[in-house]
Amino acid sequence: MTGARNVPFGSMEWPEDAPGIRVKEADVSGSRWAVVEYGERVGRAEWCQGGHRGYVLSGEIEYEFDDGREPLRARLEEAFLLPPTAVGSGAHRGRSLAKEPTRLFLMMIRVGRLMRLCALG
């Protein structure tokens, strides 16, 4: 176990993760933490297999699933869980539903000792 620490997201740069999506990320004791910002009504093109625990800081996000299940919506000050899964079995992709940027705080879910990689959020 490592000692206590903070993560200075406020002083980090905003590199672009995908068109209209920016991300600030840090490794925290072997886990990926991130603040992700989707531009107004921006969505991801690719499916993600990785798992996330998230919290909506501003705006509203909707996650579509590749197996056709009901989309998951999360609004301002709501938390959400996206379990890790394979493409074709419920992989997800997010899109902002807000008329302003949507910001999320995300923590990646580990699968065993490995963390599934995907674009954030």
PDB file of N, CA and C in Angstrom:
ATOM      1  N   MET A   1       0.848  -1.182   0.000  1.00  0.00           N
ATOM      2  CA  MET A   1       0.000   0.000   0.000  1.00  0.00           C
ATOM      3  C   MET A   1       0.888   1.237   0.000  1.00  0.00           C
ATOM      4  N   THR A   2       0.490   2.239  -0.740  1.00  0.00           N
ATOM      5  CA  THR A   2       1.262   3.478  -0.798  1.00  0.00           C
ATOM      6  C   THR A   2       0.660   4.501   0.144  1.00  0.00           C
ATOM      7  N   GLY A   3       1.409   5.564   0.365  1.00  0.00           N
ATOM      8  CA  GLY A   3       0.948   6.608   1.264  1.00  0.00           C
ATOM      9  C   GLY A   3      -0.140   7.489   0.666  1.00  0.00           C
ATOM     10  N   ALA A   4      -0.671   8.340   1.518  1.00  0.00           N
ATOM     11  CA  ALA A   4      -1.708   9.282   1.083  1.00  0.00           C
ATOM     12  C   ALA A   4      -1.137  10.244   0.056  1.00  0.00           C
ATOM     13  N   ARG A   5      -1.959  10.673  -0.857  1.00  0.00           N
ATOM     14  CA  ARG A   5      -1.538  11.636  -1.891  1.00  0.00           C
ATOM     15  C   ARG A   5      -2.748  12.309  -2.496  1.00  0.00           C
ATOM     16  N   ASN A   6      -2.498  13.408  -3.178  1.00  0.00           N
ATOM     17  CA  ASN A   6      -3.562  14.034  -3.944  1.00  0.00           C
ATOM     18  C   ASN A   6      -3.235  13.895  -5.420  1.00  0.00           C
ATOM     19  N   VAL A   7      -4.216  14.167  -6.262  1.00  0.00           N
ATOM     20  CA  VAL A   7      -4.037  14.125  -7.717  1.00  0.00           C
ATOM     21  C   VAL A   7      -4.417  15.508  -8.231  1.00  0.00           C
ATOM     22  N   PRO A   8      -3.450  16.280  -8.699  1.00  0.00           N
ATOM     23  CA  PRO A   8      -3.700  17.679  -9.088  1.00  0.00           C
ATOM     24  C   PRO A   8      -4.311  17.827 -10.486  1.00  0.00           C
ATOM     25  N   PHE A   9      -5.523  17.278 -10.685  1.00  0.00           N
ATOM     26  CA  PHE A   9      -6.165  17.379 -11.998  1.00  0.00           C
ATOM     27  C   PHE A   9      -6.287  18.830 -12.457  1.00  0.00           C
ATOM     28  N   GLY A  10      -6.509  19.747 -11.522  1.00  0.00           N
ATOM     29  CA  GLY A  10      -6.694  21.150 -11.878  1.00  0.00           C
ATOM     30  C   GLY A  10      -5.507  21.791 -12.558  1.00  0.00           C
ATOM     31  N   SER A  11      -4.313  21.281 -12.331  1.00  0.00           N
ATOM     32  CA  SER A  11      -3.116  21.876 -12.939  1.00  0.00           C
ATOM     33  C   SER A  11      -2.619  21.086 -14.153  1.00  0.00           C
ATOM     34  N   MET A  12      -3.306  20.016 -14.534  1.00  0.00           N
ATOM     35  CA  MET A  12      -2.901  19.209 -15.693  1.00  0.00           C
ATOM     36  C   MET A  12      -3.429  19.806 -16.983  1.00  0.00           C
ATOM     37  N   GLU A  13      -2.714  19.527 -18.076  1.00  0.00           N
ATOM     38  CA  GLU A  13      -3.154  19.913 -19.418  1.00  0.00           C
ATOM     39  C   GLU A  13      -4.323  19.026 -19.846  1.00  0.00           C
ATOM     40  N   TRP A  14      -5.073  19.474 -20.868  1.00  0.00           N
ATOM     41  CA  TRP A  14      -6.208  18.737 -21.427  1.00  0.00           C
ATOM     42  C   TRP A  14      -5.838  18.151 -22.792  1.00  0.00           C
ATOM     43  N   PRO A  15      -5.129  17.051 -22.887  1.00  0.00           N
ATOM     44  CA  PRO A  15      -4.879  16.472 -24.216  1.00  0.00           C
ATOM     45  C   PRO A  15      -6.161  15.892 -24.809  1.00  0.00           C
ATOM     46  N   GLU A  16      -6.261  15.936 -26.142  1.00  0.00           N
ATOM     47  CA  GLU A  16      -7.443  15.380 -26.805  1.00  0.00           C
ATOM     48  C   GLU A  16      -7.321  13.866 -26.847  1.00  0.00           C
ATOM     49  N   ASP A  17      -8.379  13.173 -26.439  1.00  0.00           N
ATOM     50  CA  ASP A  17      -8.430  11.716 -26.414  1.00  0.00           C
ATOM     51  C   ASP A  17      -9.078  11.169 -27.683  1.00  0.00           C
ATOM     52  N   ALA A  18     -10.044  11.901 -28.206  1.00  0.00           N
ATOM     53  CA  ALA A  18     -10.779  11.575 -29.427  1.00  0.00           C
ATOM     54  C   ALA A  18     -11.407  12.894 -29.879  1.00  0.00           C
ATOM     55  N   PRO A  19     -11.893  12.985 -31.116  1.00  0.00           N
ATOM     56  CA  PRO A  19     -12.487  14.248 -31.562  1.00  0.00           C
ATOM     57  C   PRO A  19     -13.576  14.742 -30.597  1.00  0.00           C
ATOM     58  N   GLY A  20     -13.371  15.932 -30.036  1.00  0.00           N
ATOM     59  CA  GLY A  20     -14.332  16.544 -29.128  1.00  0.00           C
ATOM     60  C   GLY A  20     -14.287  16.029 -27.698  1.00  0.00           C
ATOM     61  N   ILE A  21     -13.301  15.173 -27.386  1.00  0.00           N
ATOM     62  CA  ILE A  21     -13.192  14.588 -26.047  1.00  0.00           C
ATOM     63  C   ILE A  21     -11.779  14.815 -25.522  1.00  0.00           C
ATOM     64  N   ARG A  22     -11.712  15.425 -24.319  1.00  0.00           N
ATOM     65  CA  ARG A  22     -10.415  15.691 -23.688  1.00  0.00           C
ATOM     66  C   ARG A  22     -10.323  14.888 -22.396  1.00  0.00           C
ATOM     67  N   VAL A  23      -9.080  14.612 -21.971  1.00  0.00           N
ATOM     68  CA  VAL A  23      -8.905  13.804 -20.765  1.00  0.00           C
ATOM     69  C   VAL A  23      -7.665  14.222 -19.989  1.00  0.00           C
ATOM     70  N   LYS A  24      -7.798  14.226 -18.673  1.00  0.00           N
ATOM     71  CA  LYS A  24      -6.677  14.378 -17.755  1.00  0.00           C
ATOM     72  C   LYS A  24      -6.620  13.065 -16.992  1.00  0.00           C
ATOM     73  N   GLU A  25      -5.464  12.388 -16.979  1.00  0.00           N
ATOM     74  CA  GLU A  25      -5.415  11.104 -16.312  1.00  0.00           C
ATOM     75  C   GLU A  25      -4.156  10.940 -15.486  1.00  0.00           C
ATOM     76  N   ALA A  26      -4.262  10.058 -14.482  1.00  0.00           N
ATOM     77  CA  ALA A  26      -3.138   9.796 -13.589  1.00  0.00           C
ATOM     78  C   ALA A  26      -3.189   8.343 -13.151  1.00  0.00           C
ATOM     79  N   ASP A  27      -2.009   7.794 -12.878  1.00  0.00           N
ATOM     80  CA  ASP A  27      -1.903   6.477 -12.278  1.00  0.00           C
ATOM     81  C   ASP A  27      -1.910   6.681 -10.767  1.00  0.00           C
ATOM     82  N   VAL A  28      -2.839   6.054 -10.086  1.00  0.00           N
ATOM     83  CA  VAL A  28      -2.947   6.163  -8.634  1.00  0.00           C
ATOM     84  C   VAL A  28      -2.833   4.760  -8.058  1.00  0.00           C
ATOM     85  N   SER A  29      -1.672   4.451  -7.525  1.00  0.00           N
ATOM     86  CA  SER A  29      -1.410   3.126  -6.933  1.00  0.00           C
ATOM     87  C   SER A  29      -1.774   2.000  -7.892  1.00  0.00           C
ATOM     88  N   GLY A  30      -1.428   2.168  -9.173  1.00  0.00           N
ATOM     89  CA  GLY A  30      -1.675   1.135 -10.171  1.00  0.00           C
ATOM     90  C   GLY A  30      -3.063   1.158 -10.788  1.00  0.00           C
ATOM     91  N   SER A  31      -3.887   2.137 -10.454  1.00  0.00           N
ATOM     92  CA  SER A  31      -5.221   2.272 -11.025  1.00  0.00           C
ATOM     93  C   SER A  31      -5.283   3.564 -11.831  1.00  0.00           C
ATOM     94  N   ARG A  32      -5.973   3.548 -12.955  1.00  0.00           N
ATOM     95  CA  ARG A  32      -6.114   4.726 -13.811  1.00  0.00           C
ATOM     96  C   ARG A  32      -7.286   5.573 -13.341  1.00  0.00           C
ATOM     97  N   TRP A  33      -7.034   6.813 -12.971  1.00  0.00           N
ATOM     98  CA  TRP A  33      -8.069   7.780 -12.614  1.00  0.00           C
ATOM     99  C   TRP A  33      -8.074   8.849 -13.689  1.00  0.00           C
ATOM    100  N   ALA A  34      -9.237   9.399 -13.996  1.00  0.00           N
ATOM    101  CA  ALA A  34      -9.295  10.408 -15.053  1.00  0.00           C
ATOM    102  C   ALA A  34     -10.475  11.360 -14.872  1.00  0.00           C
ATOM    103  N   VAL A  35     -10.279  12.579 -15.364  1.00  0.00           N
ATOM    104  CA  VAL A  35     -11.369  13.522 -15.576  1.00  0.00           C
ATOM    105  C   VAL A  35     -11.518  13.598 -17.090  1.00  0.00           C
ATOM    106  N   VAL A  36     -12.702  13.290 -17.581  1.00  0.00           N
ATOM    107  CA  VAL A  36     -12.967  13.252 -19.025  1.00  0.00           C
ATOM    108  C   VAL A  36     -14.003  14.319 -19.342  1.00  0.00           C
ATOM    109  N   GLU A  37     -13.758  15.070 -20.410  1.00  0.00           N
ATOM    110  CA  GLU A  37     -14.708  16.096 -20.836  1.00  0.00           C
ATOM    111  C   GLU A  37     -15.153  15.819 -22.265  1.00  0.00           C
ATOM    112  N   TYR A  38     -16.463  15.618 -22.429  1.00  0.00           N
ATOM    113  CA  TYR A  38     -17.088  15.470 -23.744  1.00  0.00           C
ATOM    114  C   TYR A  38     -17.607  16.836 -24.157  1.00  0.00           C
ATOM    115  N   GLY A  39     -17.336  17.250 -25.383  1.00  0.00           N
ATOM    116  CA  GLY A  39     -17.920  18.479 -25.899  1.00  0.00           C
ATOM    117  C   GLY A  39     -19.431  18.325 -26.028  1.00  0.00           C
ATOM    118  N   GLU A  40     -20.084  19.432 -26.310  1.00  0.00           N
ATOM    119  CA  GLU A  40     -21.543  19.444 -26.463  1.00  0.00           C
ATOM    120  C   GLU A  40     -22.001  18.377 -27.456  1.00  0.00           C
ATOM    121  N   ARG A  41     -22.825  17.445 -26.978  1.00  0.00           N
ATOM    122  CA  ARG A  41     -23.437  16.378 -27.774  1.00  0.00           C
ATOM    123  C   ARG A  41     -22.426  15.525 -28.557  1.00  0.00           C
ATOM    124  N   VAL A  42     -21.222  15.362 -28.009  1.00  0.00           N
ATOM    125  CA  VAL A  42     -20.175  14.559 -28.643  1.00  0.00           C
ATOM    126  C   VAL A  42     -20.276  13.121 -28.143  1.00  0.00           C
ATOM    127  N   GLY A  43     -20.004  12.160 -29.037  1.00  0.00           N
ATOM    128  CA  GLY A  43     -20.003  10.747 -28.660  1.00  0.00           C
ATOM    129  C   GLY A  43     -18.782  10.033 -29.190  1.00  0.00           C
ATOM    130  N   ARG A  44     -18.469   8.921 -28.591  1.00  0.00           N
ATOM    131  CA  ARG A  44     -17.354   8.081 -29.041  1.00  0.00           C
ATOM    132  C   ARG A  44     -17.808   7.189 -30.188  1.00  0.00           C
ATOM    133  N   ALA A  45     -16.888   6.891 -31.088  1.00  0.00           N
ATOM    134  CA  ALA A  45     -17.185   6.005 -32.211  1.00  0.00           C
ATOM    135  C   ALA A  45     -16.901   4.545 -31.851  1.00  0.00           C
ATOM    136  N   GLU A  46     -15.883   4.303 -31.019  1.00  0.00           N
ATOM    137  CA  GLU A  46     -15.442   2.941 -30.737  1.00  0.00           C
ATOM    138  C   GLU A  46     -16.108   2.373 -29.474  1.00  0.00           C
ATOM    139  N   TRP A  47     -16.192   1.052 -29.424  1.00  0.00           N
ATOM    140  CA  TRP A  47     -16.725   0.348 -28.250  1.00  0.00           C
ATOM    141  C   TRP A  47     -15.623   0.141 -27.237  1.00  0.00           C
ATOM    142  N   CYS A  48     -15.962   0.175 -25.958  1.00  0.00           N
ATOM    143  CA  CYS A  48     -15.002  -0.031 -24.877  1.00  0.00           C
ATOM    144  C   CYS A  48     -15.374  -1.292 -24.109  1.00  0.00           C
ATOM    145  N   GLN A  49     -14.374  -2.119 -23.854  1.00  0.00           N
ATOM    146  CA  GLN A  49     -14.566  -3.344 -23.073  1.00  0.00           C
ATOM    147  C   GLN A  49     -14.189  -3.150 -21.614  1.00  0.00           C
ATOM    148  N   GLY A  50     -13.478  -2.075 -21.325  1.00  0.00           N
ATOM    149  CA  GLY A  50     -12.987  -1.837 -19.970  1.00  0.00           C
ATOM    150  C   GLY A  50     -14.106  -1.455 -19.019  1.00  0.00           C
ATOM    151  N   GLY A  51     -13.882  -1.721 -17.750  1.00  0.00           N
ATOM    152  CA  GLY A  51     -14.857  -1.354 -16.731  1.00  0.00           C
ATOM    153  C   GLY A  51     -14.517  -0.014 -16.103  1.00  0.00           C
ATOM    154  N   HIS A  52     -15.542   0.721 -15.705  1.00  0.00           N
ATOM    155  CA  HIS A  52     -15.352   2.039 -15.093  1.00  0.00           C
ATOM    156  C   HIS A  52     -16.325   2.238 -13.939  1.00  0.00           C
ATOM    157  N   ARG A  53     -15.851   2.952 -12.944  1.00  0.00           N
ATOM    158  CA  ARG A  53     -16.712   3.539 -11.922  1.00  0.00           C
ATOM    159  C   ARG A  53     -16.664   5.025 -12.211  1.00  0.00           C
ATOM    160  N   GLY A  54     -17.801   5.696 -12.240  1.00  0.00           N
ATOM    161  CA  GLY A  54     -17.790   7.097 -12.629  1.00  0.00           C
ATOM    162  C   GLY A  54     -18.730   7.957 -11.822  1.00  0.00           C
ATOM    163  N   TYR A  55     -18.506   9.261 -11.951  1.00  0.00           N
ATOM    164  CA  TYR A  55     -19.318  10.276 -11.289  1.00  0.00           C
ATOM    165  C   TYR A  55     -19.423  11.462 -12.237  1.00  0.00           C
ATOM    166  N   VAL A  56     -20.635  11.971 -12.436  1.00  0.00           N
ATOM    167  CA  VAL A  56     -20.861  13.089 -13.355  1.00  0.00           C
ATOM    168  C   VAL A  56     -20.635  14.404 -12.609  1.00  0.00           C
ATOM    169  N   LEU A  57     -19.618  15.150 -13.041  1.00  0.00           N
ATOM    170  CA  LEU A  57     -19.278  16.449 -12.459  1.00  0.00           C
ATOM    171  C   LEU A  57     -20.110  17.571 -13.058  1.00  0.00           C
ATOM    172  N   SER A  58     -20.448  17.441 -14.354  1.00  0.00           N
ATOM    173  CA  SER A  58     -21.309  18.416 -15.031  1.00  0.00           C
ATOM    174  C   SER A  58     -21.897  17.752 -16.268  1.00  0.00           C
ATOM    175  N   GLY A  59     -23.067  18.239 -16.689  1.00  0.00           N
ATOM    176  CA  GLY A  59     -23.695  17.725 -17.900  1.00  0.00           C
ATOM    177  C   GLY A  59     -24.443  16.425 -17.693  1.00  0.00           C
ATOM    178  N   GLU A  60     -24.533  15.636 -18.763  1.00  0.00           N
ATOM    179  CA  GLU A  60     -25.269  14.367 -18.758  1.00  0.00           C
ATOM    180  C   GLU A  60     -24.635  13.447 -19.789  1.00  0.00           C
ATOM    181  N   ILE A  61     -24.476  12.169 -19.440  1.00  0.00           N
ATOM    182  CA  ILE A  61     -23.853  11.186 -20.328  1.00  0.00           C
ATOM    183  C   ILE A  61     -24.817  10.021 -20.541  1.00  0.00           C
ATOM    184  N   GLU A  62     -24.772   9.452 -21.737  1.00  0.00           N
ATOM    185  CA  GLU A  62     -25.537   8.237 -22.010  1.00  0.00           C
ATOM    186  C   GLU A  62     -24.570   7.205 -22.555  1.00  0.00           C
ATOM    187  N   TYR A  63     -24.651   5.984 -22.024  1.00  0.00           N
ATOM    188  CA  TYR A  63     -23.839   4.875 -22.514  1.00  0.00           C
ATOM    189  C   TYR A  63     -24.724   3.918 -23.292  1.00  0.00           C
ATOM    190  N   GLU A  64     -24.325   3.663 -24.526  1.00  0.00           N
ATOM    191  CA  GLU A  64     -24.989   2.713 -25.411  1.00  0.00           C
ATOM    192  C   GLU A  64     -24.232   1.392 -25.274  1.00  0.00           C
ATOM    193  N   PHE A  65     -24.948   0.263 -25.348  1.00  0.00           N
ATOM    194  CA  PHE A  65     -24.332  -1.055 -25.236  1.00  0.00           C
ATOM    195  C   PHE A  65     -24.467  -1.818 -26.545  1.00  0.00           C
ATOM    196  N   ASP A  66     -23.414  -2.556 -26.909  1.00  0.00           N
ATOM    197  CA  ASP A  66     -23.400  -3.231 -28.207  1.00  0.00           C
ATOM    198  C   ASP A  66     -24.271  -4.485 -28.257  1.00  0.00           C
ATOM    199  N   ASP A  67     -24.872  -4.874 -27.147  1.00  0.00           N
ATOM    200  CA  ASP A  67     -25.757  -6.038 -27.162  1.00  0.00           C
ATOM    201  C   ASP A  67     -27.232  -5.624 -27.213  1.00  0.00           C
ATOM    202  N   GLY A  68     -27.490  -4.323 -27.408  1.00  0.00           N
ATOM    203  CA  GLY A  68     -28.852  -3.840 -27.587  1.00  0.00           C
ATOM    204  C   GLY A  68     -29.632  -3.563 -26.317  1.00  0.00           C
ATOM    205  N   ARG A  69     -29.006  -3.741 -25.158  1.00  0.00           N
ATOM    206  CA  ARG A  69     -29.751  -3.466 -23.912  1.00  0.00           C
ATOM    207  C   ARG A  69     -30.051  -1.982 -23.783  1.00  0.00           C
ATOM    208  N   GLU A  70     -30.927  -1.648 -22.875  1.00  0.00           N
ATOM    209  CA  GLU A  70     -31.337  -0.266 -22.609  1.00  0.00           C
ATOM    210  C   GLU A  70     -30.113   0.601 -22.292  1.00  0.00           C
ATOM    211  N   PRO A  71     -29.985   1.778 -22.902  1.00  0.00           N
ATOM    212  CA  PRO A  71     -28.859   2.664 -22.572  1.00  0.00           C
ATOM    213  C   PRO A  71     -28.887   3.085 -21.098  1.00  0.00           C
ATOM    214  N   LEU A  72     -27.736   3.416 -20.586  1.00  0.00           N
ATOM    215  CA  LEU A  72     -27.592   3.902 -19.216  1.00  0.00           C
ATOM    216  C   LEU A  72     -27.351   5.405 -19.272  1.00  0.00           C
ATOM    217  N   ARG A  73     -28.165   6.171 -18.557  1.00  0.00           N
ATOM    218  CA  ARG A  73     -27.986   7.626 -18.477  1.00  0.00           C
ATOM    219  C   ARG A  73     -27.541   7.997 -17.081  1.00  0.00           C
ATOM    220  N   ALA A  74     -26.621   8.938 -17.002  1.00  0.00           N
ATOM    221  CA  ALA A  74     -26.190   9.475 -15.709  1.00  0.00           C
ATOM    222  C   ALA A  74     -26.156  10.993 -15.840  1.00  0.00           C
ATOM    223  N   ARG A  75     -26.711  11.652 -14.837  1.00  0.00           N
ATOM    224  CA  ARG A  75     -26.830  13.108 -14.824  1.00  0.00           C
ATOM    225  C   ARG A  75     -25.947  13.705 -13.748  1.00  0.00           C
ATOM    226  N   LEU A  76     -25.907  15.015 -13.707  1.00  0.00           N
ATOM    227  CA  LEU A  76     -25.142  15.770 -12.725  1.00  0.00           C
ATOM    228  C   LEU A  76     -25.286  15.158 -11.330  1.00  0.00           C
ATOM    229  N   GLU A  77     -24.153  14.920 -10.697  1.00  0.00           N
ATOM    230  CA  GLU A  77     -24.039  14.385  -9.334  1.00  0.00           C
ATOM    231  C   GLU A  77     -24.542  12.966  -9.181  1.00  0.00           C
ATOM    232  N   GLU A  78     -24.637  12.208 -10.286  1.00  0.00           N
ATOM    233  CA  GLU A  78     -24.959  10.789 -10.205  1.00  0.00           C
ATOM    234  C   GLU A  78     -23.697   9.978 -10.459  1.00  0.00           C
ATOM    235  N   ALA A  79     -23.605   8.835  -9.798  1.00  0.00           N
ATOM    236  CA  ALA A  79     -22.508   7.895 -10.014  1.00  0.00           C
ATOM    237  C   ALA A  79     -23.017   6.747 -10.882  1.00  0.00           C
ATOM    238  N   PHE A  80     -22.082   6.016 -11.510  1.00  0.00           N
ATOM    239  CA  PHE A  80     -22.475   4.895 -12.351  1.00  0.00           C
ATOM    240  C   PHE A  80     -21.387   3.837 -12.360  1.00  0.00           C
ATOM    241  N   LEU A  81     -21.756   2.641 -12.774  1.00  0.00           N
ATOM    242  CA  LEU A  81     -20.841   1.509 -12.882  1.00  0.00           C
ATOM    243  C   LEU A  81     -20.997   0.891 -14.253  1.00  0.00           C
ATOM    244  N   LEU A  82     -19.885   0.683 -14.936  1.00  0.00           N
ATOM    245  CA  LEU A  82     -19.851  -0.014 -16.218  1.00  0.00           C
ATOM    246  C   LEU A  82     -18.901  -1.201 -16.050  1.00  0.00           C
ATOM    247  N   PRO A  83     -19.423  -2.423 -15.892  1.00  0.00           N
ATOM    248  CA  PRO A  83     -18.550  -3.580 -15.685  1.00  0.00           C
ATOM    249  C   PRO A  83     -17.740  -3.900 -16.943  1.00  0.00           C
ATOM    250  N   PRO A  84     -16.566  -4.507 -16.765  1.00  0.00           N
ATOM    251  CA  PRO A  84     -15.790  -4.942 -17.930  1.00  0.00           C
ATOM    252  C   PRO A  84     -16.527  -6.066 -18.653  1.00  0.00           C
ATOM    253  N   THR A  85     -16.466  -6.055 -19.974  1.00  0.00           N
ATOM    254  CA  THR A  85     -17.136  -7.080 -20.775  1.00  0.00           C
ATOM    255  C   THR A  85     -16.514  -7.123 -22.162  1.00  0.00           C
ATOM    256  N   ALA A  86     -16.784  -8.170 -22.894  1.00  0.00           N
ATOM    257  CA  ALA A  86     -16.249  -8.338 -24.246  1.00  0.00           C
ATOM    258  C   ALA A  86     -17.140  -7.638 -25.275  1.00  0.00           C
ATOM    259  N   VAL A  87     -16.554  -7.267 -26.403  1.00  0.00           N
ATOM    260  CA  VAL A  87     -17.331  -6.716 -27.510  1.00  0.00           C
ATOM    261  C   VAL A  87     -18.347  -7.780 -27.927  1.00  0.00           C
ATOM    262  N   GLY A  88     -19.596  -7.361 -28.121  1.00  0.00           N
ATOM    263  CA  GLY A  88     -20.681  -8.270 -28.461  1.00  0.00           C
ATOM    264  C   GLY A  88     -21.452  -8.759 -27.246  1.00  0.00           C
ATOM    265  N   SER A  89     -20.929  -8.455 -26.057  1.00  0.00           N
ATOM    266  CA  SER A  89     -21.566  -8.916 -24.812  1.00  0.00           C
ATOM    267  C   SER A  89     -21.907  -7.765 -23.879  1.00  0.00           C
ATOM    268  N   GLY A  90     -21.991  -6.567 -24.432  1.00  0.00           N
ATOM    269  CA  GLY A  90     -22.335  -5.425 -23.595  1.00  0.00           C
ATOM    270  C   GLY A  90     -21.250  -4.376 -23.500  1.00  0.00           C
ATOM    271  N   ALA A  91     -20.297  -4.372 -24.457  1.00  0.00           N
ATOM    272  CA  ALA A  91     -19.312  -3.292 -24.490  1.00  0.00           C
ATOM    273  C   ALA A  91     -20.073  -1.967 -24.637  1.00  0.00           C
ATOM    274  N   HIS A  92     -19.461  -0.885 -24.217  1.00  0.00           N
ATOM    275  CA  HIS A  92     -20.175   0.395 -24.167  1.00  0.00           C
ATOM    276  C   HIS A  92     -19.430   1.501 -24.917  1.00  0.00           C
ATOM    277  N   ARG A  93     -20.165   2.565 -25.204  1.00  0.00           N
ATOM    278  CA  ARG A  93     -19.578   3.809 -25.697  1.00  0.00           C
ATOM    279  C   ARG A  93     -20.468   4.946 -25.226  1.00  0.00           C
ATOM    280  N   GLY A  94     -19.828   6.051 -24.844  1.00  0.00           N
ATOM    281  CA  GLY A  94     -20.558   7.164 -24.266  1.00  0.00           C
ATOM    282  C   GLY A  94     -20.779   8.294 -25.242  1.00  0.00           C
ATOM    283  N   ARG A  95     -21.803   9.098 -24.919  1.00  0.00           N
ATOM    284  CA  ARG A  95     -22.043  10.340 -25.663  1.00  0.00           C
ATOM    285  C   ARG A  95     -22.697  11.337 -24.724  1.00  0.00           C
ATOM    286  N   SER A  96     -22.317  12.575 -24.888  1.00  0.00           N
ATOM    287  CA  SER A  96     -22.877  13.647 -24.079  1.00  0.00           C
ATOM    288  C   SER A  96     -24.267  13.987 -24.579  1.00  0.00           C
ATOM    289  N   LEU A  97     -25.192  14.188 -23.650  1.00  0.00           N
ATOM    290  CA  LEU A  97     -26.549  14.608 -24.006  1.00  0.00           C
ATOM    291  C   LEU A  97     -26.761  16.083 -23.706  1.00  0.00           C
ATOM    292  N   ALA A  98     -25.746  16.738 -23.156  1.00  0.00           N
ATOM    293  CA  ALA A  98     -25.884  18.110 -22.676  1.00  0.00           C
ATOM    294  C   ALA A  98     -25.601  19.142 -23.767  1.00  0.00           C
ATOM    295  N   LYS A  99     -26.160  20.331 -23.566  1.00  0.00           N
ATOM    296  CA  LYS A  99     -25.906  21.457 -24.464  1.00  0.00           C
ATOM    297  C   LYS A  99     -24.651  22.204 -24.063  1.00  0.00           C
ATOM    298  N   GLU A 100     -23.955  21.686 -23.075  1.00  0.00           N
ATOM    299  CA  GLU A 100     -22.677  22.232 -22.638  1.00  0.00           C
ATOM    300  C   GLU A 100     -21.742  21.038 -22.421  1.00  0.00           C
ATOM    301  N   PRO A 101     -20.450  21.257 -22.194  1.00  0.00           N
ATOM    302  CA  PRO A 101     -19.553  20.121 -21.969  1.00  0.00           C
ATOM    303  C   PRO A 101     -20.013  19.255 -20.790  1.00  0.00           C
ATOM    304  N   THR A 102     -19.797  17.964 -20.928  1.00  0.00           N
ATOM    305  CA  THR A 102     -20.073  17.002 -19.861  1.00  0.00           C
ATOM    306  C   THR A 102     -18.737  16.549 -19.297  1.00  0.00           C
ATOM    307  N   ARG A 103     -18.591  16.656 -17.979  1.00  0.00           N
ATOM    308  CA  ARG A 103     -17.358  16.226 -17.317  1.00  0.00           C
ATOM    309  C   ARG A 103     -17.649  15.065 -16.383  1.00  0.00           C
ATOM    310  N   LEU A 104     -16.753  14.077 -16.432  1.00  0.00           N
ATOM    311  CA  LEU A 104     -16.872  12.872 -15.625  1.00  0.00           C
ATOM    312  C   LEU A 104     -15.589  12.648 -14.843  1.00  0.00           C
ATOM    313  N   PHE A 105     -15.708  12.068 -13.672  1.00  0.00           N
ATOM    314  CA  PHE A 105     -14.558  11.524 -12.960  1.00  0.00           C
ATOM    315  C   PHE A 105     -14.673  10.014 -13.087  1.00  0.00           C
ATOM    316  N   LEU A 106     -13.627   9.345 -13.605  1.00  0.00           N
ATOM    317  CA  LEU A 106     -13.660   7.904 -13.839  1.00  0.00           C
ATOM    318  C   LEU A 106     -12.496   7.209 -13.149  1.00  0.00           C
ATOM    319  N   MET A 107     -12.770   6.022 -12.643  1.00  0.00           N
ATOM    320  CA  MET A 107     -11.733   5.119 -12.145  1.00  0.00           C
ATOM    321  C   MET A 107     -11.903   3.809 -12.901  1.00  0.00           C
ATOM    322  N   MET A 108     -10.819   3.296 -13.464  1.00  0.00           N
ATOM    323  CA  MET A 108     -10.874   2.069 -14.237  1.00  0.00           C
ATOM    324  C   MET A 108     -10.985   0.875 -13.298  1.00  0.00           C
ATOM    325  N   ILE A 109     -11.716  -0.155 -13.713  1.00  0.00           N
ATOM    326  CA  ILE A 109     -11.899  -1.375 -12.928  1.00  0.00           C
ATOM    327  C   ILE A 109     -10.858  -2.394 -13.372  1.00  0.00           C
ATOM    328  N   ARG A 110     -10.185  -2.964 -12.418  1.00  0.00           N
ATOM    329  CA  ARG A 110      -9.209  -4.017 -12.693  1.00  0.00           C
ATOM    330  C   ARG A 110      -9.934  -5.352 -12.872  1.00  0.00           C
ATOM    331  N   VAL A 111      -9.394  -6.183 -13.749  1.00  0.00           N
ATOM    332  CA  VAL A 111      -9.883  -7.543 -13.948  1.00  0.00           C
ATOM    333  C   VAL A 111      -8.731  -8.441 -13.543  1.00  0.00           C
ATOM    334  N   GLY A 112      -8.845  -9.059 -12.379  1.00  0.00           N
ATOM    335  CA  GLY A 112      -7.712  -9.805 -11.839  1.00  0.00           C
ATOM    336  C   GLY A 112      -6.588  -8.825 -11.570  1.00  0.00           C
ATOM    337  N   ARG A 113      -5.418  -9.103 -12.094  1.00  0.00           N
ATOM    338  CA  ARG A 113      -4.292  -8.195 -11.916  1.00  0.00           C
ATOM    339  C   ARG A 113      -4.154  -7.237 -13.096  1.00  0.00           C
ATOM    340  N   LEU A 114      -4.978  -7.415 -14.102  1.00  0.00           N
ATOM    341  CA  LEU A 114      -4.868  -6.587 -15.309  1.00  0.00           C
ATOM    342  C   LEU A 114      -6.005  -5.582 -15.385  1.00  0.00           C
ATOM    343  N   MET A 115      -5.726  -4.448 -15.982  1.00  0.00           N
ATOM    344  CA  MET A 115      -6.758  -3.451 -16.238  1.00  0.00           C
ATOM    345  C   MET A 115      -7.028  -3.475 -17.737  1.00  0.00           C
ATOM    346  N   ARG A 116      -8.268  -3.718 -18.126  1.00  0.00           N
ATOM    347  CA  ARG A 116      -8.590  -3.704 -19.553  1.00  0.00           C
ATOM    348  C   ARG A 116      -8.423  -2.308 -20.090  1.00  0.00           C
ATOM    349  N   LEU A 117      -7.781  -2.210 -21.217  1.00  0.00           N
ATOM    350  CA  LEU A 117      -7.521  -0.891 -21.789  1.00  0.00           C
ATOM    351  C   LEU A 117      -8.588  -0.532 -22.807  1.00  0.00           C
ATOM    352  N   CYS A 118      -8.967   0.703 -22.802  1.00  0.00           N
ATOM    353  CA  CYS A 118      -9.861   1.258 -23.813  1.00  0.00           C
ATOM    354  C   CYS A 118      -9.744   2.759 -23.704  1.00  0.00           C
ATOM    355  N   ALA A 119     -10.310   3.452 -24.645  1.00  0.00           N
ATOM    356  CA  ALA A 119     -10.387   4.897 -24.518  1.00  0.00           C
ATOM    357  C   ALA A 119     -11.221   5.183 -23.285  1.00  0.00           C
ATOM    358  N   LEU A 120     -10.921   6.239 -22.591  1.00  0.00           N
ATOM    359  CA  LEU A 120     -11.615   6.543 -21.349  1.00  0.00           C
ATOM    360  C   LEU A 120     -13.056   6.967 -21.603  1.00  0.00           C
ATOM    361  N   GLY A 121     -13.932   6.416 -20.815  1.00  0.00           N
ATOM    362  CA  GLY A 121     -15.340   6.823 -20.833  1.00  0.00           C
ATOM    363  C   GLY A 121     -16.057   6.359 -22.033  1.00  0.00           C
TER     364      GLY A 121
END
